[in-house]
């Protein structure tokens, strides 16, 4: 039996096919196995011989990393890496990579679609018409987008694309992002409090980490003077969901468009499911046929590059430079991940 030089495993994925990944790893002679495990004990047991891992939802704790002695790289299918203990990976010399820009158009379009659907009350009117109620006056008032202000929380690549799209509708854009010093002339960088106070629409595009978990909570809702529509296509826990329900019930905001929730799927008793001014979608903002194909190919290439002694396009835990398990030259020459 032919011995493969590298063992690569996909811990878990729900993409239906792994043909793109197989094609990439056959190029370097690596053996690829899909194991479908997510929990700590299973990951340790099944993945202990892996040189590289691709993962979608599996939870990588310090204990997992400590028990994967051969692992040189973990590549996440997606942008967020909140399921991976980055410090543990760095301490143990494991490179963590992601695919930060595979679905920029999709998420930006989805965020804009939620804004438009809320402003024009599309879902509300759809329900009324289907129940034999043909009367636009049930939805008044409706205000135009032109002249209004969109506030971005997070002004990376997706936020910039949302800004382009809504600017075409005649809206002004302001943004809060502590990691961005300069952006386009059309976007005014400001602080979080100003975004909360002056926005007619607020769209969230920041990553989930300890500093952004429950970034939007009761105190922040009280600062939303213009009763904005709140859009979240990033990560559910950035918003304190109990505070969101309370803000909607009190009329502190006009409505919400949520592609992500604190608990996915939501509890059937969640008040959000019963509110007419809330539009929900099942964490689908990232998806298109084209984006998934790009995601799979690039996530696999991140792993194959490390195994072949090269730095991947993205390294999330850049503190690993100089102490990685992989035999890679110390100078990375990679793009900084925002």
Foldseek 3Di string as FASTA:
>chain_A
DDDFPFEEEEQADDPPDQVLLVVLCVVRRYDYYYDPHAEQVVLLVPQQRHQEYEYEHHAADLSSVVSNLNHFEYEYLAAADPSHDLVSCLVNQHFYYYDNPLQLVLLLVVQVVLVVCLLQVVVVVVVCVVVVHPDCVVDPDHDALAPFEEEEEDCDSSNVSNCVVSVVSHYQYEYEDPVDDDDDPRYHYDHLLCSQQRHQEYEYDDADDPVQQQCPALVSLVSNNNQHEYEYLHEARSHPLVRVVVSCVVSSHQAYEYAYHPDPPDDPPDVLVVDSSYHYHPSCSRDDPSSSSVSSNLSSVCRVQQQVQAHHQETQSVSSQPPHPGNHPRDHPHDYDD
